Amino acid sequence: QQKFGERIGVKGNTIAQYELGRNEP
């Protein structure tokens, strides 16, 4: 999640929130 986020300029925990369905990109 960290590396994925770094590639697009967002934090790893933001990616985690997207994957959990808590937030929508």
PDBML (XML) file of the C-alpha atoms, coordinates in Angstrom:
<?xml version="1.0" encoding="UTF-8" ?>
<PDBx:datablock datablockName="MODEL"
   xmlns:PDBx="http://pdbml.pdb.org/schema/pdbx-v50.xsd"
   xmlns:xsi="http://www.w3.org/2001/XMLSchema-instance"
   xsi:schemaLocation="http://pdbml.pdb.org/schema/pdbx-v50.xsd pdbx-v50.xsd">
   <PDBx:atom_siteCategory>
      <PDBx:atom_site id="1">
         <PDBx:B_iso_or_equiv>0.00</PDBx:B_iso_or_equiv>
         <PDBx:Cartn_x>0.000</PDBx:Cartn_x>
         <PDBx:Cartn_y>0.000</PDBx:Cartn_y>
         <PDBx:Cartn_z>0.000</PDBx:Cartn_z>
         <PDBx:auth_asym_id>A</PDBx:auth_asym_id>
         <PDBx:auth_atom_id>CA</PDBx:auth_atom_id>
         <PDBx:auth_comp_id>GLN</PDBx:auth_comp_id>
         <PDBx:auth_seq_id>1</PDBx:auth_seq_id>
         <PDBx:group_PDB>ATOM</PDBx:group_PDB>
         <PDBx:label_alt_id xsi:nil="true" />
         <PDBx:label_asym_id>A</PDBx:label_asym_id>
         <PDBx:label_atom_id>CA</PDBx:label_atom_id>
         <PDBx:label_comp_id>GLN</PDBx:label_comp_id>
         <PDBx:label_entity_id>1</PDBx:label_entity_id>
         <PDBx:label_seq_id>1</PDBx:label_seq_id>
         <PDBx:occupancy>1.00</PDBx:occupancy>
         <PDBx:pdbx_PDB_model_num>1</PDBx:pdbx_PDB_model_num>
         <PDBx:type_symbol>C</PDBx:type_symbol>
      </PDBx:atom_site>
      <PDBx:atom_site id="2">
         <PDBx:B_iso_or_equiv>0.00</PDBx:B_iso_or_equiv>
         <PDBx:Cartn_x>2.908</PDBx:Cartn_x>
         <PDBx:Cartn_y>2.312</PDBx:Cartn_y>
         <PDBx:Cartn_z>0.826</PDBx:Cartn_z>
         <PDBx:auth_asym_id>A</PDBx:auth_asym_id>
         <PDBx:auth_atom_id>CA</PDBx:auth_atom_id>
         <PDBx:auth_comp_id>GLN</PDBx:auth_comp_id>
         <PDBx:auth_seq_id>2</PDBx:auth_seq_id>
         <PDBx:group_PDB>ATOM</PDBx:group_PDB>
         <PDBx:label_alt_id xsi:nil="true" />
         <PDBx:label_asym_id>A</PDBx:label_asym_id>
         <PDBx:label_atom_id>CA</PDBx:label_atom_id>
         <PDBx:label_comp_id>GLN</PDBx:label_comp_id>
         <PDBx:label_entity_id>1</PDBx:label_entity_id>
         <PDBx:label_seq_id>2</PDBx:label_seq_id>
         <PDBx:occupancy>1.00</PDBx:occupancy>
         <PDBx:pdbx_PDB_model_num>1</PDBx:pdbx_PDB_model_num>
         <PDBx:type_symbol>C</PDBx:type_symbol>
      </PDBx:atom_site>
      <PDBx:atom_site id="3">
         <PDBx:B_iso_or_equiv>0.00</PDBx:B_iso_or_equiv>
         <PDBx:Cartn_x>4.690</PDBx:Cartn_x>
         <PDBx:Cartn_y>1.804</PDBx:Cartn_y>
         <PDBx:Cartn_z>-2.519</PDBx:Cartn_z>
         <PDBx:auth_asym_id>A</PDBx:auth_asym_id>
         <PDBx:auth_atom_id>CA</PDBx:auth_atom_id>
         <PDBx:auth_comp_id>LYS</PDBx:auth_comp_id>
         <PDBx:auth_seq_id>3</PDBx:auth_seq_id>
         <PDBx:group_PDB>ATOM</PDBx:group_PDB>
         <PDBx:label_alt_id xsi:nil="true" />
         <PDBx:label_asym_id>A</PDBx:label_asym_id>
         <PDBx:label_atom_id>CA</PDBx:label_atom_id>
         <PDBx:label_comp_id>LYS</PDBx:label_comp_id>
         <PDBx:label_entity_id>1</PDBx:label_entity_id>
         <PDBx:label_seq_id>3</PDBx:label_seq_id>
         <PDBx:occupancy>1.00</PDBx:occupancy>
         <PDBx:pdbx_PDB_model_num>1</PDBx:pdbx_PDB_model_num>
         <PDBx:type_symbol>C</PDBx:type_symbol>
      </PDBx:atom_site>
      <PDBx:atom_site id="4">
         <PDBx:B_iso_or_equiv>0.00</PDBx:B_iso_or_equiv>
         <PDBx:Cartn_x>1.433</PDBx:Cartn_x>
         <PDBx:Cartn_y>2.048</PDBx:Cartn_y>
         <PDBx:Cartn_z>-4.483</PDBx:Cartn_z>
         <PDBx:auth_asym_id>A</PDBx:auth_asym_id>
         <PDBx:auth_atom_id>CA</PDBx:auth_atom_id>
         <PDBx:auth_comp_id>PHE</PDBx:auth_comp_id>
         <PDBx:auth_seq_id>4</PDBx:auth_seq_id>
         <PDBx:group_PDB>ATOM</PDBx:group_PDB>
         <PDBx:label_alt_id xsi:nil="true" />
         <PDBx:label_asym_id>A</PDBx:label_asym_id>
         <PDBx:label_atom_id>CA</PDBx:label_atom_id>
         <PDBx:label_comp_id>PHE</PDBx:label_comp_id>
         <PDBx:label_entity_id>1</PDBx:label_entity_id>
         <PDBx:label_seq_id>4</PDBx:label_seq_id>
         <PDBx:occupancy>1.00</PDBx:occupancy>
         <PDBx:pdbx_PDB_model_num>1</PDBx:pdbx_PDB_model_num>
         <PDBx:type_symbol>C</PDBx:type_symbol>
      </PDBx:atom_site>
      <PDBx:atom_site id="5">
         <PDBx:B_iso_or_equiv>0.00</PDBx:B_iso_or_equiv>
         <PDBx:Cartn_x>0.626</PDBx:Cartn_x>
         <PDBx:Cartn_y>5.320</PDBx:Cartn_y>
         <PDBx:Cartn_z>-2.722</PDBx:Cartn_z>
         <PDBx:auth_asym_id>A</PDBx:auth_asym_id>
         <PDBx:auth_atom_id>CA</PDBx:auth_atom_id>
         <PDBx:auth_comp_id>GLY</PDBx:auth_comp_id>
         <PDBx:auth_seq_id>5</PDBx:auth_seq_id>
         <PDBx:group_PDB>ATOM</PDBx:group_PDB>
         <PDBx:label_alt_id xsi:nil="true" />
         <PDBx:label_asym_id>A</PDBx:label_asym_id>
         <PDBx:label_atom_id>CA</PDBx:label_atom_id>
         <PDBx:label_comp_id>GLY</PDBx:label_comp_id>
         <PDBx:label_entity_id>1</PDBx:label_entity_id>
         <PDBx:label_seq_id>5</PDBx:label_seq_id>
         <PDBx:occupancy>1.00</PDBx:occupancy>
         <PDBx:pdbx_PDB_model_num>1</PDBx:pdbx_PDB_model_num>
         <PDBx:type_symbol>C</PDBx:type_symbol>
      </PDBx:atom_site>
      <PDBx:atom_site id="6">
         <PDBx:B_iso_or_equiv>0.00</PDBx:B_iso_or_equiv>
         <PDBx:Cartn_x>4.109</PDBx:Cartn_x>
         <PDBx:Cartn_y>6.742</PDBx:Cartn_y>
         <PDBx:Cartn_z>-3.278</PDBx:Cartn_z>
         <PDBx:auth_asym_id>A</PDBx:auth_asym_id>
         <PDBx:auth_atom_id>CA</PDBx:auth_atom_id>
         <PDBx:auth_comp_id>GLU</PDBx:auth_comp_id>
         <PDBx:auth_seq_id>6</PDBx:auth_seq_id>
         <PDBx:group_PDB>ATOM</PDBx:group_PDB>
         <PDBx:label_alt_id xsi:nil="true" />
         <PDBx:label_asym_id>A</PDBx:label_asym_id>
         <PDBx:label_atom_id>CA</PDBx:label_atom_id>
         <PDBx:label_comp_id>GLU</PDBx:label_comp_id>
         <PDBx:label_entity_id>1</PDBx:label_entity_id>
         <PDBx:label_seq_id>6</PDBx:label_seq_id>
         <PDBx:occupancy>1.00</PDBx:occupancy>
         <PDBx:pdbx_PDB_model_num>1</PDBx:pdbx_PDB_model_num>
         <PDBx:type_symbol>C</PDBx:type_symbol>
      </PDBx:atom_site>
      <PDBx:atom_site id="7">
         <PDBx:B_iso_or_equiv>0.00</PDBx:B_iso_or_equiv>
         <PDBx:Cartn_x>3.796</PDBx:Cartn_x>
         <PDBx:Cartn_y>6.173</PDBx:Cartn_y>
         <PDBx:Cartn_z>-7.031</PDBx:Cartn_z>
         <PDBx:auth_asym_id>A</PDBx:auth_asym_id>
         <PDBx:auth_atom_id>CA</PDBx:auth_atom_id>
         <PDBx:auth_comp_id>ARG</PDBx:auth_comp_id>
         <PDBx:auth_seq_id>7</PDBx:auth_seq_id>
         <PDBx:group_PDB>ATOM</PDBx:group_PDB>
         <PDBx:label_alt_id xsi:nil="true" />
         <PDBx:label_asym_id>A</PDBx:label_asym_id>
         <PDBx:label_atom_id>CA</PDBx:label_atom_id>
         <PDBx:label_comp_id>ARG</PDBx:label_comp_id>
         <PDBx:label_entity_id>1</PDBx:label_entity_id>
         <PDBx:label_seq_id>7</PDBx:label_seq_id>
         <PDBx:occupancy>1.00</PDBx:occupancy>
         <PDBx:pdbx_PDB_model_num>1</PDBx:pdbx_PDB_model_num>
         <PDBx:type_symbol>C</PDBx:type_symbol>
      </PDBx:atom_site>
      <PDBx:atom_site id="8">
         <PDBx:B_iso_or_equiv>0.00</PDBx:B_iso_or_equiv>
         <PDBx:Cartn_x>0.662</PDBx:Cartn_x>
         <PDBx:Cartn_y>8.337</PDBx:Cartn_y>
         <PDBx:Cartn_z>-7.185</PDBx:Cartn_z>
         <PDBx:auth_asym_id>A</PDBx:auth_asym_id>
         <PDBx:auth_atom_id>CA</PDBx:auth_atom_id>
         <PDBx:auth_comp_id>ILE</PDBx:auth_comp_id>
         <PDBx:auth_seq_id>8</PDBx:auth_seq_id>
         <PDBx:group_PDB>ATOM</PDBx:group_PDB>
         <PDBx:label_alt_id xsi:nil="true" />
         <PDBx:label_asym_id>A</PDBx:label_asym_id>
         <PDBx:label_atom_id>CA</PDBx:label_atom_id>
         <PDBx:label_comp_id>ILE</PDBx:label_comp_id>
         <PDBx:label_entity_id>1</PDBx:label_entity_id>
         <PDBx:label_seq_id>8</PDBx:label_seq_id>
         <PDBx:occupancy>1.00</PDBx:occupancy>
         <PDBx:pdbx_PDB_model_num>1</PDBx:pdbx_PDB_model_num>
         <PDBx:type_symbol>C</PDBx:type_symbol>
      </PDBx:atom_site>
      <PDBx:atom_site id="9">
         <PDBx:B_iso_or_equiv>0.00</PDBx:B_iso_or_equiv>
         <PDBx:Cartn_x>1.550</PDBx:Cartn_x>
         <PDBx:Cartn_y>10.805</PDBx:Cartn_y>
         <PDBx:Cartn_z>-4.429</PDBx:Cartn_z>
         <PDBx:auth_asym_id>A</PDBx:auth_asym_id>
         <PDBx:auth_atom_id>CA</PDBx:auth_atom_id>
         <PDBx:auth_comp_id>GLY</PDBx:auth_comp_id>
         <PDBx:auth_seq_id>9</PDBx:auth_seq_id>
         <PDBx:group_PDB>ATOM</PDBx:group_PDB>
         <PDBx:label_alt_id xsi:nil="true" />
         <PDBx:label_asym_id>A</PDBx:label_asym_id>
         <PDBx:label_atom_id>CA</PDBx:label_atom_id>
         <PDBx:label_comp_id>GLY</PDBx:label_comp_id>
         <PDBx:label_entity_id>1</PDBx:label_entity_id>
         <PDBx:label_seq_id>9</PDBx:label_seq_id>
         <PDBx:occupancy>1.00</PDBx:occupancy>
         <PDBx:pdbx_PDB_model_num>1</PDBx:pdbx_PDB_model_num>
         <PDBx:type_symbol>C</PDBx:type_symbol>
      </PDBx:atom_site>
      <PDBx:atom_site id="10">
         <PDBx:B_iso_or_equiv>0.00</PDBx:B_iso_or_equiv>
         <PDBx:Cartn_x>-0.768</PDBx:Cartn_x>
         <PDBx:Cartn_y>9.684</PDBx:Cartn_y>
         <PDBx:Cartn_z>-1.623</PDBx:Cartn_z>
         <PDBx:auth_asym_id>A</PDBx:auth_asym_id>
         <PDBx:auth_atom_id>CA</PDBx:auth_atom_id>
         <PDBx:auth_comp_id>VAL</PDBx:auth_comp_id>
         <PDBx:auth_seq_id>10</PDBx:auth_seq_id>
         <PDBx:group_PDB>ATOM</PDBx:group_PDB>
         <PDBx:label_alt_id xsi:nil="true" />
         <PDBx:label_asym_id>A</PDBx:label_asym_id>
         <PDBx:label_atom_id>CA</PDBx:label_atom_id>
         <PDBx:label_comp_id>VAL</PDBx:label_comp_id>
         <PDBx:label_entity_id>1</PDBx:label_entity_id>
         <PDBx:label_seq_id>10</PDBx:label_seq_id>
         <PDBx:occupancy>1.00</PDBx:occupancy>
         <PDBx:pdbx_PDB_model_num>1</PDBx:pdbx_PDB_model_num>
         <PDBx:type_symbol>C</PDBx:type_symbol>
      </PDBx:atom_site>
      <PDBx:atom_site id="11">
         <PDBx:B_iso_or_equiv>0.00</PDBx:B_iso_or_equiv>
         <PDBx:Cartn_x>-0.045</PDBx:Cartn_x>
         <PDBx:Cartn_y>8.061</PDBx:Cartn_y>
         <PDBx:Cartn_z>1.734</PDBx:Cartn_z>
         <PDBx:auth_asym_id>A</PDBx:auth_asym_id>
         <PDBx:auth_atom_id>CA</PDBx:auth_atom_id>
         <PDBx:auth_comp_id>LYS</PDBx:auth_comp_id>
         <PDBx:auth_seq_id>11</PDBx:auth_seq_id>
         <PDBx:group_PDB>ATOM</PDBx:group_PDB>
         <PDBx:label_alt_id xsi:nil="true" />
         <PDBx:label_asym_id>A</PDBx:label_asym_id>
         <PDBx:label_atom_id>CA</PDBx:label_atom_id>
         <PDBx:label_comp_id>LYS</PDBx:label_comp_id>
         <PDBx:label_entity_id>1</PDBx:label_entity_id>
         <PDBx:label_seq_id>11</PDBx:label_seq_id>
         <PDBx:occupancy>1.00</PDBx:occupancy>
         <PDBx:pdbx_PDB_model_num>1</PDBx:pdbx_PDB_model_num>
         <PDBx:type_symbol>C</PDBx:type_symbol>
      </PDBx:atom_site>
      <PDBx:atom_site id="12">
         <PDBx:B_iso_or_equiv>0.00</PDBx:B_iso_or_equiv>
         <PDBx:Cartn_x>-0.178</PDBx:Cartn_x>
         <PDBx:Cartn_y>4.301</PDBx:Cartn_y>
         <PDBx:Cartn_z>2.226</PDBx:Cartn_z>
         <PDBx:auth_asym_id>A</PDBx:auth_asym_id>
         <PDBx:auth_atom_id>CA</PDBx:auth_atom_id>
         <PDBx:auth_comp_id>GLY</PDBx:auth_comp_id>
         <PDBx:auth_seq_id>12</PDBx:auth_seq_id>
         <PDBx:group_PDB>ATOM</PDBx:group_PDB>
         <PDBx:label_alt_id xsi:nil="true" />
         <PDBx:label_asym_id>A</PDBx:label_asym_id>
         <PDBx:label_atom_id>CA</PDBx:label_atom_id>
         <PDBx:label_comp_id>GLY</PDBx:label_comp_id>
         <PDBx:label_entity_id>1</PDBx:label_entity_id>
         <PDBx:label_seq_id>12</PDBx:label_seq_id>
         <PDBx:occupancy>1.00</PDBx:occupancy>
         <PDBx:pdbx_PDB_model_num>1</PDBx:pdbx_PDB_model_num>
         <PDBx:type_symbol>C</PDBx:type_symbol>
      </PDBx:atom_site>
      <PDBx:atom_site id="13">
         <PDBx:B_iso_or_equiv>0.00</PDBx:B_iso_or_equiv>
         <PDBx:Cartn_x>-2.912</PDBx:Cartn_x>
         <PDBx:Cartn_y>4.629</PDBx:Cartn_y>
         <PDBx:Cartn_z>4.830</PDBx:Cartn_z>
         <PDBx:auth_asym_id>A</PDBx:auth_asym_id>
         <PDBx:auth_atom_id>CA</PDBx:auth_atom_id>
         <PDBx:auth_comp_id>ASN</PDBx:auth_comp_id>
         <PDBx:auth_seq_id>13</PDBx:auth_seq_id>
         <PDBx:group_PDB>ATOM</PDBx:group_PDB>
         <PDBx:label_alt_id xsi:nil="true" />
         <PDBx:label_asym_id>A</PDBx:label_asym_id>
         <PDBx:label_atom_id>CA</PDBx:label_atom_id>
         <PDBx:label_comp_id>ASN</PDBx:label_comp_id>
         <PDBx:label_entity_id>1</PDBx:label_entity_id>
         <PDBx:label_seq_id>13</PDBx:label_seq_id>
         <PDBx:occupancy>1.00</PDBx:occupancy>
         <PDBx:pdbx_PDB_model_num>1</PDBx:pdbx_PDB_model_num>
         <PDBx:type_symbol>C</PDBx:type_symbol>
      </PDBx:atom_site>
      <PDBx:atom_site id="14">
         <PDBx:B_iso_or_equiv>0.00</PDBx:B_iso_or_equiv>
         <PDBx:Cartn_x>-5.026</PDBx:Cartn_x>
         <PDBx:Cartn_y>6.497</PDBx:Cartn_y>
         <PDBx:Cartn_z>2.259</PDBx:Cartn_z>
         <PDBx:auth_asym_id>A</PDBx:auth_asym_id>
         <PDBx:auth_atom_id>CA</PDBx:auth_atom_id>
         <PDBx:auth_comp_id>THR</PDBx:auth_comp_id>
         <PDBx:auth_seq_id>14</PDBx:auth_seq_id>
         <PDBx:group_PDB>ATOM</PDBx:group_PDB>
         <PDBx:label_alt_id xsi:nil="true" />
         <PDBx:label_asym_id>A</PDBx:label_asym_id>
         <PDBx:label_atom_id>CA</PDBx:label_atom_id>
         <PDBx:label_comp_id>THR</PDBx:label_comp_id>
         <PDBx:label_entity_id>1</PDBx:label_entity_id>
         <PDBx:label_seq_id>14</PDBx:label_seq_id>
         <PDBx:occupancy>1.00</PDBx:occupancy>
         <PDBx:pdbx_PDB_model_num>1</PDBx:pdbx_PDB_model_num>
         <PDBx:type_symbol>C</PDBx:type_symbol>
      </PDBx:atom_site>
      <PDBx:atom_site id="15">
         <PDBx:B_iso_or_equiv>0.00</PDBx:B_iso_or_equiv>
         <PDBx:Cartn_x>-4.732</PDBx:Cartn_x>
         <PDBx:Cartn_y>3.468</PDBx:Cartn_y>
         <PDBx:Cartn_z>-0.034</PDBx:Cartn_z>
         <PDBx:auth_asym_id>A</PDBx:auth_asym_id>
         <PDBx:auth_atom_id>CA</PDBx:auth_atom_id>
         <PDBx:auth_comp_id>ILE</PDBx:auth_comp_id>
         <PDBx:auth_seq_id>15</PDBx:auth_seq_id>
         <PDBx:group_PDB>ATOM</PDBx:group_PDB>
         <PDBx:label_alt_id xsi:nil="true" />
         <PDBx:label_asym_id>A</PDBx:label_asym_id>
         <PDBx:label_atom_id>CA</PDBx:label_atom_id>
         <PDBx:label_comp_id>ILE</PDBx:label_comp_id>
         <PDBx:label_entity_id>1</PDBx:label_entity_id>
         <PDBx:label_seq_id>15</PDBx:label_seq_id>
         <PDBx:occupancy>1.00</PDBx:occupancy>
         <PDBx:pdbx_PDB_model_num>1</PDBx:pdbx_PDB_model_num>
         <PDBx:type_symbol>C</PDBx:type_symbol>
      </PDBx:atom_site>
      <PDBx:atom_site id="16">
         <PDBx:B_iso_or_equiv>0.00</PDBx:B_iso_or_equiv>
         <PDBx:Cartn_x>-5.748</PDBx:Cartn_x>
         <PDBx:Cartn_y>1.282</PDBx:Cartn_y>
         <PDBx:Cartn_z>2.923</PDBx:Cartn_z>
         <PDBx:auth_asym_id>A</PDBx:auth_asym_id>
         <PDBx:auth_atom_id>CA</PDBx:auth_atom_id>
         <PDBx:auth_comp_id>ALA</PDBx:auth_comp_id>
         <PDBx:auth_seq_id>16</PDBx:auth_seq_id>
         <PDBx:group_PDB>ATOM</PDBx:group_PDB>
         <PDBx:label_alt_id xsi:nil="true" />
         <PDBx:label_asym_id>A</PDBx:label_asym_id>
         <PDBx:label_atom_id>CA</PDBx:label_atom_id>
         <PDBx:label_comp_id>ALA</PDBx:label_comp_id>
         <PDBx:label_entity_id>1</PDBx:label_entity_id>
         <PDBx:label_seq_id>16</PDBx:label_seq_id>
         <PDBx:occupancy>1.00</PDBx:occupancy>
         <PDBx:pdbx_PDB_model_num>1</PDBx:pdbx_PDB_model_num>
         <PDBx:type_symbol>C</PDBx:type_symbol>
      </PDBx:atom_site>
      <PDBx:atom_site id="17">
         <PDBx:B_iso_or_equiv>0.00</PDBx:B_iso_or_equiv>
         <PDBx:Cartn_x>-8.869</PDBx:Cartn_x>
         <PDBx:Cartn_y>3.420</PDBx:Cartn_y>
         <PDBx:Cartn_z>3.441</PDBx:Cartn_z>
         <PDBx:auth_asym_id>A</PDBx:auth_asym_id>
         <PDBx:auth_atom_id>CA</PDBx:auth_atom_id>
         <PDBx:auth_comp_id>GLN</PDBx:auth_comp_id>
         <PDBx:auth_seq_id>17</PDBx:auth_seq_id>
         <PDBx:group_PDB>ATOM</PDBx:group_PDB>
         <PDBx:label_alt_id xsi:nil="true" />
         <PDBx:label_asym_id>A</PDBx:label_asym_id>
         <PDBx:label_atom_id>CA</PDBx:label_atom_id>
         <PDBx:label_comp_id>GLN</PDBx:label_comp_id>
         <PDBx:label_entity_id>1</PDBx:label_entity_id>
         <PDBx:label_seq_id>17</PDBx:label_seq_id>
         <PDBx:occupancy>1.00</PDBx:occupancy>
         <PDBx:pdbx_PDB_model_num>1</PDBx:pdbx_PDB_model_num>
         <PDBx:type_symbol>C</PDBx:type_symbol>
      </PDBx:atom_site>
      <PDBx:atom_site id="18">
         <PDBx:B_iso_or_equiv>0.00</PDBx:B_iso_or_equiv>
         <PDBx:Cartn_x>-9.758</PDBx:Cartn_x>
         <PDBx:Cartn_y>3.048</PDBx:Cartn_y>
         <PDBx:Cartn_z>-0.260</PDBx:Cartn_z>
         <PDBx:auth_asym_id>A</PDBx:auth_asym_id>
         <PDBx:auth_atom_id>CA</PDBx:auth_atom_id>
         <PDBx:auth_comp_id>TYR</PDBx:auth_comp_id>
         <PDBx:auth_seq_id>18</PDBx:auth_seq_id>
         <PDBx:group_PDB>ATOM</PDBx:group_PDB>
         <PDBx:label_alt_id xsi:nil="true" />
         <PDBx:label_asym_id>A</PDBx:label_asym_id>
         <PDBx:label_atom_id>CA</PDBx:label_atom_id>
         <PDBx:label_comp_id>TYR</PDBx:label_comp_id>
         <PDBx:label_entity_id>1</PDBx:label_entity_id>
         <PDBx:label_seq_id>18</PDBx:label_seq_id>
         <PDBx:occupancy>1.00</PDBx:occupancy>
         <PDBx:pdbx_PDB_model_num>1</PDBx:pdbx_PDB_model_num>
         <PDBx:type_symbol>C</PDBx:type_symbol>
      </PDBx:atom_site>
      <PDBx:atom_site id="19">
         <PDBx:B_iso_or_equiv>0.00</PDBx:B_iso_or_equiv>
         <PDBx:Cartn_x>-9.275</PDBx:Cartn_x>
         <PDBx:Cartn_y>-0.725</PDBx:Cartn_y>
         <PDBx:Cartn_z>-0.135</PDBx:Cartn_z>
         <PDBx:auth_asym_id>A</PDBx:auth_asym_id>
         <PDBx:auth_atom_id>CA</PDBx:auth_atom_id>
         <PDBx:auth_comp_id>GLU</PDBx:auth_comp_id>
         <PDBx:auth_seq_id>19</PDBx:auth_seq_id>
         <PDBx:group_PDB>ATOM</PDBx:group_PDB>
         <PDBx:label_alt_id xsi:nil="true" />
         <PDBx:label_asym_id>A</PDBx:label_asym_id>
         <PDBx:label_atom_id>CA</PDBx:label_atom_id>
         <PDBx:label_comp_id>GLU</PDBx:label_comp_id>
         <PDBx:label_entity_id>1</PDBx:label_entity_id>
         <PDBx:label_seq_id>19</PDBx:label_seq_id>
         <PDBx:occupancy>1.00</PDBx:occupancy>
         <PDBx:pdbx_PDB_model_num>1</PDBx:pdbx_PDB_model_num>
         <PDBx:type_symbol>C</PDBx:type_symbol>
      </PDBx:atom_site>
      <PDBx:atom_site id="20">
         <PDBx:B_iso_or_equiv>0.00</PDBx:B_iso_or_equiv>
         <PDBx:Cartn_x>-11.416</PDBx:Cartn_x>
         <PDBx:Cartn_y>-1.037</PDBx:Cartn_y>
         <PDBx:Cartn_z>2.991</PDBx:Cartn_z>
         <PDBx:auth_asym_id>A</PDBx:auth_asym_id>
         <PDBx:auth_atom_id>CA</PDBx:auth_atom_id>
         <PDBx:auth_comp_id>LEU</PDBx:auth_comp_id>
         <PDBx:auth_seq_id>20</PDBx:auth_seq_id>
         <PDBx:group_PDB>ATOM</PDBx:group_PDB>
         <PDBx:label_alt_id xsi:nil="true" />
         <PDBx:label_asym_id>A</PDBx:label_asym_id>
         <PDBx:label_atom_id>CA</PDBx:label_atom_id>
         <PDBx:label_comp_id>LEU</PDBx:label_comp_id>
         <PDBx:label_entity_id>1</PDBx:label_entity_id>
         <PDBx:label_seq_id>20</PDBx:label_seq_id>
         <PDBx:occupancy>1.00</PDBx:occupancy>
         <PDBx:pdbx_PDB_model_num>1</PDBx:pdbx_PDB_model_num>
         <PDBx:type_symbol>C</PDBx:type_symbol>
      </PDBx:atom_site>
      <PDBx:atom_site id="21">
         <PDBx:B_iso_or_equiv>0.00</PDBx:B_iso_or_equiv>
         <PDBx:Cartn_x>-14.169</PDBx:Cartn_x>
         <PDBx:Cartn_y>0.952</PDBx:Cartn_y>
         <PDBx:Cartn_z>1.287</PDBx:Cartn_z>
         <PDBx:auth_asym_id>A</PDBx:auth_asym_id>
         <PDBx:auth_atom_id>CA</PDBx:auth_atom_id>
         <PDBx:auth_comp_id>GLY</PDBx:auth_comp_id>
         <PDBx:auth_seq_id>21</PDBx:auth_seq_id>
         <PDBx:group_PDB>ATOM</PDBx:group_PDB>
         <PDBx:label_alt_id xsi:nil="true" />
         <PDBx:label_asym_id>A</PDBx:label_asym_id>
         <PDBx:label_atom_id>CA</PDBx:label_atom_id>
         <PDBx:label_comp_id>GLY</PDBx:label_comp_id>
         <PDBx:label_entity_id>1</PDBx:label_entity_id>
         <PDBx:label_seq_id>21</PDBx:label_seq_id>
         <PDBx:occupancy>1.00</PDBx:occupancy>
         <PDBx:pdbx_PDB_model_num>1</PDBx:pdbx_PDB_model_num>
         <PDBx:type_symbol>C</PDBx:type_symbol>
      </PDBx:atom_site>
      <PDBx:atom_site id="22">
         <PDBx:B_iso_or_equiv>0.00</PDBx:B_iso_or_equiv>
         <PDBx:Cartn_x>-14.124</PDBx:Cartn_x>
         <PDBx:Cartn_y>3.676</PDBx:Cartn_y>
         <PDBx:Cartn_z>3.949</PDBx:Cartn_z>
         <PDBx:auth_asym_id>A</PDBx:auth_asym_id>
         <PDBx:auth_atom_id>CA</PDBx:auth_atom_id>
         <PDBx:auth_comp_id>ARG</PDBx:auth_comp_id>
         <PDBx:auth_seq_id>22</PDBx:auth_seq_id>
         <PDBx:group_PDB>ATOM</PDBx:group_PDB>
         <PDBx:label_alt_id xsi:nil="true" />
         <PDBx:label_asym_id>A</PDBx:label_asym_id>
         <PDBx:label_atom_id>CA</PDBx:label_atom_id>
         <PDBx:label_comp_id>ARG</PDBx:label_comp_id>
         <PDBx:label_entity_id>1</PDBx:label_entity_id>
         <PDBx:label_seq_id>22</PDBx:label_seq_id>
         <PDBx:occupancy>1.00</PDBx:occupancy>
         <PDBx:pdbx_PDB_model_num>1</PDBx:pdbx_PDB_model_num>
         <PDBx:type_symbol>C</PDBx:type_symbol>
      </PDBx:atom_site>
      <PDBx:atom_site id="23">
         <PDBx:B_iso_or_equiv>0.00</PDBx:B_iso_or_equiv>
         <PDBx:Cartn_x>-13.179</PDBx:Cartn_x>
         <PDBx:Cartn_y>6.359</PDBx:Cartn_y>
         <PDBx:Cartn_z>1.425</PDBx:Cartn_z>
         <PDBx:auth_asym_id>A</PDBx:auth_asym_id>
         <PDBx:auth_atom_id>CA</PDBx:auth_atom_id>
         <PDBx:auth_comp_id>ASN</PDBx:auth_comp_id>
         <PDBx:auth_seq_id>23</PDBx:auth_seq_id>
         <PDBx:group_PDB>ATOM</PDBx:group_PDB>
         <PDBx:label_alt_id xsi:nil="true" />
         <PDBx:label_asym_id>A</PDBx:label_asym_id>
         <PDBx:label_atom_id>CA</PDBx:label_atom_id>
         <PDBx:label_comp_id>ASN</PDBx:label_comp_id>
         <PDBx:label_entity_id>1</PDBx:label_entity_id>
         <PDBx:label_seq_id>23</PDBx:label_seq_id>
         <PDBx:occupancy>1.00</PDBx:occupancy>
         <PDBx:pdbx_PDB_model_num>1</PDBx:pdbx_PDB_model_num>
         <PDBx:type_symbol>C</PDBx:type_symbol>
      </PDBx:atom_site>
      <PDBx:atom_site id="24">
         <PDBx:B_iso_or_equiv>0.00</PDBx:B_iso_or_equiv>
         <PDBx:Cartn_x>-13.730</PDBx:Cartn_x>
         <PDBx:Cartn_y>6.654</PDBx:Cartn_y>
         <PDBx:Cartn_z>-2.309</PDBx:Cartn_z>
         <PDBx:auth_asym_id>A</PDBx:auth_asym_id>
         <PDBx:auth_atom_id>CA</PDBx:auth_atom_id>
         <PDBx:auth_comp_id>GLU</PDBx:auth_comp_id>
         <PDBx:auth_seq_id>24</PDBx:auth_seq_id>
         <PDBx:group_PDB>ATOM</PDBx:group_PDB>
         <PDBx:label_alt_id xsi:nil="true" />
         <PDBx:label_asym_id>A</PDBx:label_asym_id>
         <PDBx:label_atom_id>CA</PDBx:label_atom_id>
         <PDBx:label_comp_id>GLU</PDBx:label_comp_id>
         <PDBx:label_entity_id>1</PDBx:label_entity_id>
         <PDBx:label_seq_id>24</PDBx:label_seq_id>
         <PDBx:occupancy>1.00</PDBx:occupancy>
         <PDBx:pdbx_PDB_model_num>1</PDBx:pdbx_PDB_model_num>
         <PDBx:type_symbol>C</PDBx:type_symbol>
      </PDBx:atom_site>
      <PDBx:atom_site id="25">
         <PDBx:B_iso_or_equiv>0.00</PDBx:B_iso_or_equiv>
         <PDBx:Cartn_x>-10.864</PDBx:Cartn_x>
         <PDBx:Cartn_y>8.052</PDBx:Cartn_y>
         <PDBx:Cartn_z>-4.405</PDBx:Cartn_z>
         <PDBx:auth_asym_id>A</PDBx:auth_asym_id>
         <PDBx:auth_atom_id>CA</PDBx:auth_atom_id>
         <PDBx:auth_comp_id>PRO</PDBx:auth_comp_id>
         <PDBx:auth_seq_id>25</PDBx:auth_seq_id>
         <PDBx:group_PDB>ATOM</PDBx:group_PDB>
         <PDBx:label_alt_id xsi:nil="true" />
         <PDBx:label_asym_id>A</PDBx:label_asym_id>
         <PDBx:label_atom_id>CA</PDBx:label_atom_id>
         <PDBx:label_comp_id>PRO</PDBx:label_comp_id>
         <PDBx:label_entity_id>1</PDBx:label_entity_id>
         <PDBx:label_seq_id>25</PDBx:label_seq_id>
         <PDBx:occupancy>1.00</PDBx:occupancy>
         <PDBx:pdbx_PDB_model_num>1</PDBx:pdbx_PDB_model_num>
         <PDBx:type_symbol>C</PDBx:type_symbol>
      </PDBx:atom_site>
   </PDBx:atom_siteCategory>
</PDBx:datablock>
